[in-house]
Amino acid sequence: MSDAFVMGLGAQVMWLVVKLTAPVLLLGLAVGLLVSIFQATTQIQEQTLAFVPKILAVIVALLFFGSWMLRNLVDFTTSILGHLVNYVM
């Protein structure tokens, strides 16, 4: 295997990781920002207030995007295993 092939495969894996984690992270970030703005305007400094909405947002994102994420992961894995003979030689 050439170095270019390994680097290309690594780039594909990194792009897949970014693509799969982006919806969950962005939704958690948006909810965290809204909670922070709420805390700043009301001057409520309760630490647990920040965690519960973010956890719920991540759970909702996983429920909503989970099938899409799994489909992308299975497609990538199928592609890798389908071309395994090409990778070994």
PDB file of N, CA and C in Angstrom:
ATOM      1  N   MET A   1       0.830  -1.183   0.000  1.00  0.00           N
ATOM      2  CA  MET A   1       0.000   0.000   0.000  1.00  0.00           C
ATOM      3  C   MET A   1       0.875   1.246   0.000  1.00  0.00           C
ATOM      4  N   SER A   2       0.451   2.201  -0.747  1.00  0.00           N
ATOM      5  CA  SER A   2       1.229   3.433  -0.813  1.00  0.00           C
ATOM      6  C   SER A   2       0.820   4.381   0.316  1.00  0.00           C
ATOM      7  N   ASP A   3       1.692   5.304   0.566  1.00  0.00           N
ATOM      8  CA  ASP A   3       1.414   6.294   1.607  1.00  0.00           C
ATOM      9  C   ASP A   3       0.223   7.167   1.232  1.00  0.00           C
ATOM     10  N   ALA A   4       0.081   7.456  -0.059  1.00  0.00           N
ATOM     11  CA  ALA A   4      -1.032   8.295  -0.508  1.00  0.00           C
ATOM     12  C   ALA A   4      -2.366   7.601  -0.250  1.00  0.00           C
ATOM     13  N   PHE A   5      -2.400   6.281  -0.445  1.00  0.00           N
ATOM     14  CA  PHE A   5      -3.634   5.537  -0.196  1.00  0.00           C
ATOM     15  C   PHE A   5      -4.009   5.579   1.281  1.00  0.00           C
ATOM     16  N   VAL A   6      -3.028   5.360   2.142  1.00  0.00           N
ATOM     17  CA  VAL A   6      -3.278   5.361   3.585  1.00  0.00           C
ATOM     18  C   VAL A   6      -3.713   6.749   4.035  1.00  0.00           C
ATOM     19  N   MET A   7      -3.085   7.780   3.523  1.00  0.00           N
ATOM     20  CA  MET A   7      -3.456   9.147   3.869  1.00  0.00           C
ATOM     21  C   MET A   7      -4.864   9.459   3.366  1.00  0.00           C
ATOM     22  N   GLY A   8      -5.219   8.984   2.179  1.00  0.00           N
ATOM     23  CA  GLY A   8      -6.559   9.196   1.647  1.00  0.00           C
ATOM     24  C   GLY A   8      -7.613   8.489   2.484  1.00  0.00           C
ATOM     25  N   LEU A   9      -7.304   7.263   2.897  1.00  0.00           N
ATOM     26  CA  LEU A   9      -8.230   6.519   3.750  1.00  0.00           C
ATOM     27  C   LEU A   9      -8.383   7.204   5.105  1.00  0.00           C
ATOM     28  N   GLY A  10      -7.283   7.702   5.654  1.00  0.00           N
ATOM     29  CA  GLY A  10      -7.348   8.440   6.915  1.00  0.00           C
ATOM     30  C   GLY A  10      -8.175   9.708   6.785  1.00  0.00           C
ATOM     31  N   ALA A  11      -8.044  10.393   5.652  1.00  0.00           N
ATOM     32  CA  ALA A  11      -8.834  11.605   5.416  1.00  0.00           C
ATOM     33  C   ALA A  11     -10.318  11.268   5.317  1.00  0.00           C
ATOM     34  N   GLN A  12     -10.652  10.141   4.679  1.00  0.00           N
ATOM     35  CA  GLN A  12     -12.048   9.715   4.590  1.00  0.00           C
ATOM     36  C   GLN A  12     -12.616   9.419   5.970  1.00  0.00           C
ATOM     37  N   VAL A  13     -11.830   8.775   6.804  1.00  0.00           N
ATOM     38  CA  VAL A  13     -12.274   8.447   8.161  1.00  0.00           C
ATOM     39  C   VAL A  13     -12.486   9.719   8.972  1.00  0.00           C
ATOM     40  N   MET A  14     -11.559  10.664   8.868  1.00  0.00           N
ATOM     41  CA  MET A  14     -11.695  11.913   9.610  1.00  0.00           C
ATOM     42  C   MET A  14     -12.923  12.691   9.141  1.00  0.00           C
ATOM     43  N   TRP A  15     -13.177  12.718   7.831  1.00  0.00           N
ATOM     44  CA  TRP A  15     -14.355  13.415   7.318  1.00  0.00           C
ATOM     45  C   TRP A  15     -15.628  12.735   7.816  1.00  0.00           C
ATOM     46  N   LEU A  16     -15.633  11.406   7.859  1.00  0.00           N
ATOM     47  CA  LEU A  16     -16.795  10.680   8.370  1.00  0.00           C
ATOM     48  C   LEU A  16     -17.043  11.020   9.837  1.00  0.00           C
ATOM     49  N   VAL A  17     -15.989  11.096  10.621  1.00  0.00           N
ATOM     50  CA  VAL A  17     -16.131  11.437  12.039  1.00  0.00           C
ATOM     51  C   VAL A  17     -16.715  12.843  12.191  1.00  0.00           C
ATOM     52  N   VAL A  18     -16.216  13.783  11.411  1.00  0.00           N
ATOM     53  CA  VAL A  18     -16.735  15.153  11.476  1.00  0.00           C
ATOM     54  C   VAL A  18     -18.200  15.184  11.058  1.00  0.00           C
ATOM     55  N   LYS A  19     -18.518  14.474   9.979  1.00  0.00           N
ATOM     56  CA  LYS A  19     -19.890  14.459   9.471  1.00  0.00           C
ATOM     57  C   LYS A  19     -20.855  13.814  10.464  1.00  0.00           C
ATOM     58  N   LEU A  20     -20.420  12.776  11.152  1.00  0.00           N
ATOM     59  CA  LEU A  20     -21.302  12.080  12.084  1.00  0.00           C
ATOM     60  C   LEU A  20     -21.484  12.824  13.403  1.00  0.00           C
ATOM     61  N   THR A  21     -20.458  13.514  13.846  1.00  0.00           N
ATOM     62  CA  THR A  21     -20.557  14.178  15.146  1.00  0.00           C
ATOM     63  C   THR A  21     -21.082  15.608  15.061  1.00  0.00           C
ATOM     64  N   ALA A  22     -21.042  16.201  13.881  1.00  0.00           N
ATOM     65  CA  ALA A  22     -21.427  17.613  13.736  1.00  0.00           C
ATOM     66  C   ALA A  22     -22.856  17.909  14.191  1.00  0.00           C
ATOM     67  N   PRO A  23     -23.871  17.143  13.786  1.00  0.00           N
ATOM     68  CA  PRO A  23     -25.233  17.504  14.219  1.00  0.00           C
ATOM     69  C   PRO A  23     -25.408  17.480  15.735  1.00  0.00           C
ATOM     70  N   VAL A  24     -24.841  16.492  16.384  1.00  0.00           N
ATOM     71  CA  VAL A  24     -24.990  16.367  17.834  1.00  0.00           C
ATOM     72  C   VAL A  24     -24.235  17.492  18.541  1.00  0.00           C
ATOM     73  N   LEU A  25     -23.013  17.742  18.098  1.00  0.00           N
ATOM     74  CA  LEU A  25     -22.217  18.786  18.740  1.00  0.00           C
ATOM     75  C   LEU A  25     -22.802  20.179  18.508  1.00  0.00           C
ATOM     76  N   LEU A  26     -23.279  20.436  17.297  1.00  0.00           N
ATOM     77  CA  LEU A  26     -23.842  21.753  17.006  1.00  0.00           C
ATOM     78  C   LEU A  26     -25.128  22.003  17.782  1.00  0.00           C
ATOM     79  N   LEU A  27     -25.959  20.983  17.913  1.00  0.00           N
ATOM     80  CA  LEU A  27     -27.185  21.154  18.691  1.00  0.00           C
ATOM     81  C   LEU A  27     -26.858  21.362  20.169  1.00  0.00           C
ATOM     82  N   GLY A  28     -25.905  20.610  20.685  1.00  0.00           N
ATOM     83  CA  GLY A  28     -25.473  20.810  22.068  1.00  0.00           C
ATOM     84  C   GLY A  28     -24.875  22.192  22.279  1.00  0.00           C
ATOM     85  N   LEU A  29     -24.121  22.675  21.296  1.00  0.00           N
ATOM     86  CA  LEU A  29     -23.542  24.010  21.376  1.00  0.00           C
ATOM     87  C   LEU A  29     -24.627  25.086  21.364  1.00  0.00           C
ATOM     88  N   ALA A  30     -25.614  24.929  20.490  1.00  0.00           N
ATOM     89  CA  ALA A  30     -26.696  25.914  20.405  1.00  0.00           C
ATOM     90  C   ALA A  30     -27.498  25.970  21.707  1.00  0.00           C
ATOM     91  N   VAL A  31     -27.822  24.815  22.255  1.00  0.00           N
ATOM     92  CA  VAL A  31     -28.571  24.783  23.513  1.00  0.00           C
ATOM     93  C   VAL A  31     -27.723  25.357  24.646  1.00  0.00           C
ATOM     94  N   GLY A  32     -26.448  25.042  24.672  1.00  0.00           N
ATOM     95  CA  GLY A  32     -25.567  25.603  25.689  1.00  0.00           C
ATOM     96  C   GLY A  32     -25.479  27.117  25.598  1.00  0.00           C
ATOM     97  N   LEU A  33     -25.438  27.640  24.377  1.00  0.00           N
ATOM     98  CA  LEU A  33     -25.405  29.090  24.194  1.00  0.00           C
ATOM     99  C   LEU A  33     -26.702  29.744  24.674  1.00  0.00           C
ATOM    100  N   LEU A  34     -27.831  29.122  24.349  1.00  0.00           N
ATOM    101  CA  LEU A  34     -29.110  29.663  24.806  1.00  0.00           C
ATOM    102  C   LEU A  34     -29.225  29.633  26.331  1.00  0.00           C
ATOM    103  N   VAL A  35     -28.774  28.559  26.946  1.00  0.00           N
ATOM    104  CA  VAL A  35     -28.815  28.461  28.406  1.00  0.00           C
ATOM    105  C   VAL A  35     -27.878  29.498  29.023  1.00  0.00           C
ATOM    106  N   SER A  36     -26.716  29.709  28.420  1.00  0.00           N
ATOM    107  CA  SER A  36     -25.781  30.707  28.941  1.00  0.00           C
ATOM    108  C   SER A  36     -26.358  32.109  28.851  1.00  0.00           C
ATOM    109  N   ILE A  37     -27.015  32.414  27.739  1.00  0.00           N
ATOM    110  CA  ILE A  37     -27.661  33.724  27.596  1.00  0.00           C
ATOM    111  C   ILE A  37     -28.761  33.875  28.640  1.00  0.00           C
ATOM    112  N   PHE A  38     -29.541  32.817  28.839  1.00  0.00           N
ATOM    113  CA  PHE A  38     -30.594  32.843  29.861  1.00  0.00           C
ATOM    114  C   PHE A  38     -30.004  33.072  31.253  1.00  0.00           C
ATOM    115  N   GLN A  39     -28.915  32.366  31.557  1.00  0.00           N
ATOM    116  CA  GLN A  39     -28.283  32.520  32.866  1.00  0.00           C
ATOM    117  C   GLN A  39     -27.709  33.923  33.043  1.00  0.00           C
ATOM    118  N   ALA A  40     -27.152  34.477  31.980  1.00  0.00           N
ATOM    119  CA  ALA A  40     -26.566  35.816  32.084  1.00  0.00           C
ATOM    120  C   ALA A  40     -27.641  36.879  32.271  1.00  0.00           C
ATOM    121  N   THR A  41     -28.768  36.717  31.600  1.00  0.00           N
ATOM    122  CA  THR A  41     -29.814  37.738  31.726  1.00  0.00           C
ATOM    123  C   THR A  41     -30.561  37.645  33.050  1.00  0.00           C
ATOM    124  N   THR A  42     -30.716  36.445  33.575  1.00  0.00           N
ATOM    125  CA  THR A  42     -31.440  36.294  34.839  1.00  0.00           C
ATOM    126  C   THR A  42     -30.510  36.253  36.042  1.00  0.00           C
ATOM    127  N   GLN A  43     -29.222  36.211  35.804  1.00  0.00           N
ATOM    128  CA  GLN A  43     -28.196  36.121  36.842  1.00  0.00           C
ATOM    129  C   GLN A  43     -28.370  34.890  37.719  1.00  0.00           C
ATOM    130  N   ILE A  44     -28.883  33.820  37.139  1.00  0.00           N
ATOM    131  CA  ILE A  44     -28.958  32.527  37.823  1.00  0.00           C
ATOM    132  C   ILE A  44     -27.643  31.801  37.532  1.00  0.00           C
ATOM    133  N   GLN A  45     -26.912  31.439  38.556  1.00  0.00           N
ATOM    134  CA  GLN A  45     -25.611  30.808  38.362  1.00  0.00           C
ATOM    135  C   GLN A  45     -25.618  29.349  38.820  1.00  0.00           C
ATOM    136  N   GLU A  46     -26.688  28.654  38.560  1.00  0.00           N
ATOM    137  CA  GLU A  46     -26.799  27.242  38.931  1.00  0.00           C
ATOM    138  C   GLU A  46     -26.095  26.401  37.865  1.00  0.00           C
ATOM    139  N   GLN A  47     -25.111  25.613  38.282  1.00  0.00           N
ATOM    140  CA  GLN A  47     -24.319  24.835  37.337  1.00  0.00           C
ATOM    141  C   GLN A  47     -25.123  23.707  36.690  1.00  0.00           C
ATOM    142  N   THR A  48     -26.029  23.108  37.451  1.00  0.00           N
ATOM    143  CA  THR A  48     -26.793  21.989  36.889  1.00  0.00           C
ATOM    144  C   THR A  48     -27.779  22.457  35.830  1.00  0.00           C
ATOM    145  N   LEU A  49     -28.142  23.729  35.840  1.00  0.00           N
ATOM    146  CA  LEU A  49     -29.052  24.257  34.833  1.00  0.00           C
ATOM    147  C   LEU A  49     -28.439  24.170  33.439  1.00  0.00           C
ATOM    148  N   ALA A  50     -27.128  24.233  33.344  1.00  0.00           N
ATOM    149  CA  ALA A  50     -26.464  24.164  32.041  1.00  0.00           C
ATOM    150  C   ALA A  50     -26.399  22.730  31.513  1.00  0.00           C
ATOM    151  N   PHE A  51     -26.314  21.751  32.383  1.00  0.00           N
ATOM    152  CA  PHE A  51     -26.084  20.378  31.940  1.00  0.00           C
ATOM    153  C   PHE A  51     -27.344  19.671  31.471  1.00  0.00           C
ATOM    154  N   VAL A  52     -28.421  19.824  32.179  1.00  0.00           N
ATOM    155  CA  VAL A  52     -29.639  19.067  31.866  1.00  0.00           C
ATOM    156  C   VAL A  52     -30.178  19.387  30.476  1.00  0.00           C
ATOM    157  N   PRO A  53     -30.327  20.650  30.076  1.00  0.00           N
ATOM    158  CA  PRO A  53     -30.817  20.913  28.721  1.00  0.00           C
ATOM    159  C   PRO A  53     -29.870  20.405  27.633  1.00  0.00           C
ATOM    160  N   LYS A  54     -28.557  20.502  27.878  1.00  0.00           N
ATOM    161  CA  LYS A  54     -27.600  20.004  26.879  1.00  0.00           C
ATOM    162  C   LYS A  54     -27.694  18.486  26.735  1.00  0.00           C
ATOM    163  N   ILE A  55     -27.833  17.797  27.840  1.00  0.00           N
ATOM    164  CA  ILE A  55     -27.967  16.336  27.785  1.00  0.00           C
ATOM    165  C   ILE A  55     -29.238  15.953  27.044  1.00  0.00           C
ATOM    166  N   LEU A  56     -30.328  16.647  27.333  1.00  0.00           N
ATOM    167  CA  LEU A  56     -31.582  16.367  26.628  1.00  0.00           C
ATOM    168  C   LEU A  56     -31.461  16.675  25.137  1.00  0.00           C
ATOM    169  N   ALA A  57     -30.769  17.760  24.787  1.00  0.00           N
ATOM    170  CA  ALA A  57     -30.576  18.108  23.376  1.00  0.00           C
ATOM    171  C   ALA A  57     -29.748  17.051  22.652  1.00  0.00           C
ATOM    172  N   VAL A  58     -28.732  16.539  23.318  1.00  0.00           N
ATOM    173  CA  VAL A  58     -27.908  15.496  22.699  1.00  0.00           C
ATOM    174  C   VAL A  58     -28.720  14.214  22.505  1.00  0.00           C
ATOM    175  N   ILE A  59     -29.534  13.864  23.475  1.00  0.00           N
ATOM    176  CA  ILE A  59     -30.386  12.671  23.345  1.00  0.00           C
ATOM    177  C   ILE A  59     -31.367  12.842  22.198  1.00  0.00           C
ATOM    178  N   VAL A  60     -31.985  14.015  22.097  1.00  0.00           N
ATOM    179  CA  VAL A  60     -32.917  14.278  20.993  1.00  0.00           C
ATOM    180  C   VAL A  60     -32.188  14.225  19.657  1.00  0.00           C
ATOM    181  N   ALA A  61     -30.987  14.791  19.604  1.00  0.00           N
ATOM    182  CA  ALA A  61     -30.210  14.759  18.359  1.00  0.00           C
ATOM    183  C   ALA A  61     -29.856  13.332  17.973  1.00  0.00           C
ATOM    184  N   LEU A  62     -29.487  12.512  18.941  1.00  0.00           N
ATOM    185  CA  LEU A  62     -29.169  11.111  18.638  1.00  0.00           C
ATOM    186  C   LEU A  62     -30.405  10.351  18.161  1.00  0.00           C
ATOM    187  N   LEU A  63     -31.543  10.648  18.761  1.00  0.00           N
ATOM    188  CA  LEU A  63     -32.777  10.003  18.302  1.00  0.00           C
ATOM    189  C   LEU A  63     -33.148  10.444  16.893  1.00  0.00           C
ATOM    190  N   PHE A  64     -32.965  11.725  16.610  1.00  0.00           N
ATOM    191  CA  PHE A  64     -33.349  12.268  15.315  1.00  0.00           C
ATOM    192  C   PHE A  64     -32.350  11.896  14.215  1.00  0.00           C
ATOM    193  N   PHE A  65     -31.048  12.017  14.491  1.00  0.00           N
ATOM    194  CA  PHE A  65     -30.015  11.773  13.486  1.00  0.00           C
ATOM    195  C   PHE A  65     -29.410  10.377  13.568  1.00  0.00           C
ATOM    196  N   GLY A  66     -29.828   9.561  14.525  1.00  0.00           N
ATOM    197  CA  GLY A  66     -29.208   8.257  14.736  1.00  0.00           C
ATOM    198  C   GLY A  66     -29.273   7.338  13.536  1.00  0.00           C
ATOM    199  N   SER A  67     -30.409   7.270  12.872  1.00  0.00           N
ATOM    200  CA  SER A  67     -30.515   6.377  11.710  1.00  0.00           C
ATOM    201  C   SER A  67     -29.642   6.866  10.570  1.00  0.00           C
ATOM    202  N   TRP A  68     -29.562   8.176  10.366  1.00  0.00           N
ATOM    203  CA  TRP A  68     -28.692   8.732   9.325  1.00  0.00           C
ATOM    204  C   TRP A  68     -27.219   8.449   9.640  1.00  0.00           C
ATOM    205  N   MET A  69     -26.849   8.604  10.910  1.00  0.00           N
ATOM    206  CA  MET A  69     -25.478   8.351  11.328  1.00  0.00           C
ATOM    207  C   MET A  69     -25.118   6.876  11.131  1.00  0.00           C
ATOM    208  N   LEU A  70     -26.027   6.000  11.532  1.00  0.00           N
ATOM    209  CA  LEU A  70     -25.774   4.568  11.382  1.00  0.00           C
ATOM    210  C   LEU A  70     -25.680   4.167   9.913  1.00  0.00           C
ATOM    211  N   ARG A  71     -26.541   4.749   9.073  1.00  0.00           N
ATOM    212  CA  ARG A  71     -26.507   4.441   7.640  1.00  0.00           C
ATOM    213  C   ARG A  71     -25.169   4.865   7.027  1.00  0.00           C
ATOM    214  N   ASN A  72     -24.669   6.042   7.386  1.00  0.00           N
ATOM    215  CA  ASN A  72     -23.368   6.494   6.880  1.00  0.00           C
ATOM    216  C   ASN A  72     -22.238   5.591   7.348  1.00  0.00           C
ATOM    217  N   LEU A  73     -22.292   5.186   8.595  1.00  0.00           N
ATOM    218  CA  LEU A  73     -21.252   4.319   9.141  1.00  0.00           C
ATOM    219  C   LEU A  73     -21.278   2.943   8.490  1.00  0.00           C
ATOM    220  N   VAL A  74     -22.477   2.404   8.293  1.00  0.00           N
ATOM    221  CA  VAL A  74     -22.593   1.092   7.647  1.00  0.00           C
ATOM    222  C   VAL A  74     -22.154   1.162   6.188  1.00  0.00           C
ATOM    223  N   ASP A  75     -22.515   2.243   5.492  1.00  0.00           N
ATOM    224  CA  ASP A  75     -22.073   2.401   4.103  1.00  0.00           C
ATOM    225  C   ASP A  75     -20.557   2.465   4.000  1.00  0.00           C
ATOM    226  N   PHE A  76     -19.935   3.204   4.889  1.00  0.00           N
ATOM    227  CA  PHE A  76     -18.472   3.303   4.877  1.00  0.00           C
ATOM    228  C   PHE A  76     -17.825   1.959   5.193  1.00  0.00           C
ATOM    229  N   THR A  77     -18.357   1.267   6.192  1.00  0.00           N
ATOM    230  CA  THR A  77     -17.813  -0.039   6.564  1.00  0.00           C
ATOM    231  C   THR A  77     -17.995  -1.044   5.439  1.00  0.00           C
ATOM    232  N   THR A  78     -19.160  -1.027   4.799  1.00  0.00           N
ATOM    233  CA  THR A  78     -19.402  -1.923   3.670  1.00  0.00           C
ATOM    234  C   THR A  78     -18.431  -1.637   2.532  1.00  0.00           C
ATOM    235  N   SER A  79     -18.172  -0.363   2.288  1.00  0.00           N
ATOM    236  CA  SER A  79     -17.228   0.011   1.241  1.00  0.00           C
ATOM    237  C   SER A  79     -15.824  -0.488   1.569  1.00  0.00           C
ATOM    238  N   ILE A  80     -15.411  -0.318   2.805  1.00  0.00           N
ATOM    239  CA  ILE A  80     -14.066  -0.769   3.214  1.00  0.00           C
ATOM    240  C   ILE A  80     -13.955  -2.294   3.098  1.00  0.00           C
ATOM    241  N   LEU A  81     -14.961  -2.998   3.638  1.00  0.00           N
ATOM    242  CA  LEU A  81     -14.888  -4.466   3.600  1.00  0.00           C
ATOM    243  C   LEU A  81     -15.076  -5.010   2.196  1.00  0.00           C
ATOM    244  N   GLY A  82     -15.844  -4.309   1.364  1.00  0.00           N
ATOM    245  CA  GLY A  82     -16.036  -4.746  -0.013  1.00  0.00           C
ATOM    246  C   GLY A  82     -14.777  -4.643  -0.852  1.00  0.00           C
ATOM    247  N   HIS A  83     -13.924  -3.709  -0.508  1.00  0.00           N
ATOM    248  CA  HIS A  83     -12.674  -3.507  -1.246  1.00  0.00           C
ATOM    249  C   HIS A  83     -11.467  -4.003  -0.461  1.00  0.00           C
ATOM    250  N   LEU A  84     -11.689  -4.895   0.472  1.00  0.00           N
ATOM    251  CA  LEU A  84     -10.614  -5.374   1.339  1.00  0.00           C
ATOM    252  C   LEU A  84      -9.507  -6.064   0.541  1.00  0.00           C
ATOM    253  N   VAL A  85      -9.876  -6.755  -0.524  1.00  0.00           N
ATOM    254  CA  VAL A  85      -8.888  -7.434  -1.340  1.00  0.00           C
ATOM    255  C   VAL A  85      -7.942  -6.413  -1.962  1.00  0.00           C
ATOM    256  N   ASN A  86      -8.455  -5.277  -2.385  1.00  0.00           N
ATOM    257  CA  ASN A  86      -7.618  -4.241  -2.973  1.00  0.00           C
ATOM    258  C   ASN A  86      -6.678  -3.631  -1.943  1.00  0.00           C
ATOM    259  N   TYR A  87      -7.079  -3.605  -0.677  1.00  0.00           N
ATOM    260  CA  TYR A  87      -6.254  -3.001   0.352  1.00  0.00           C
ATOM    261  C   TYR A  87      -5.106  -3.896   0.779  1.00  0.00           C
ATOM    262  N   VAL A  88      -5.334  -5.193   0.725  1.00  0.00           N
ATOM    263  CA  VAL A  88      -4.323  -6.149   1.190  1.00  0.00           C
ATOM    264  C   VAL A  88      -3.185  -6.250   0.194  1.00  0.00           C
ATOM    265  N   MET A  89      -3.497  -6.213  -1.072  1.00  0.00           N
ATOM    266  CA  MET A  89      -2.460  -6.419  -2.096  1.00  0.00           C
ATOM    267  C   MET A  89      -1.712  -5.175  -2.407  1.00  0.00           C
TER     268      MET A  89
END
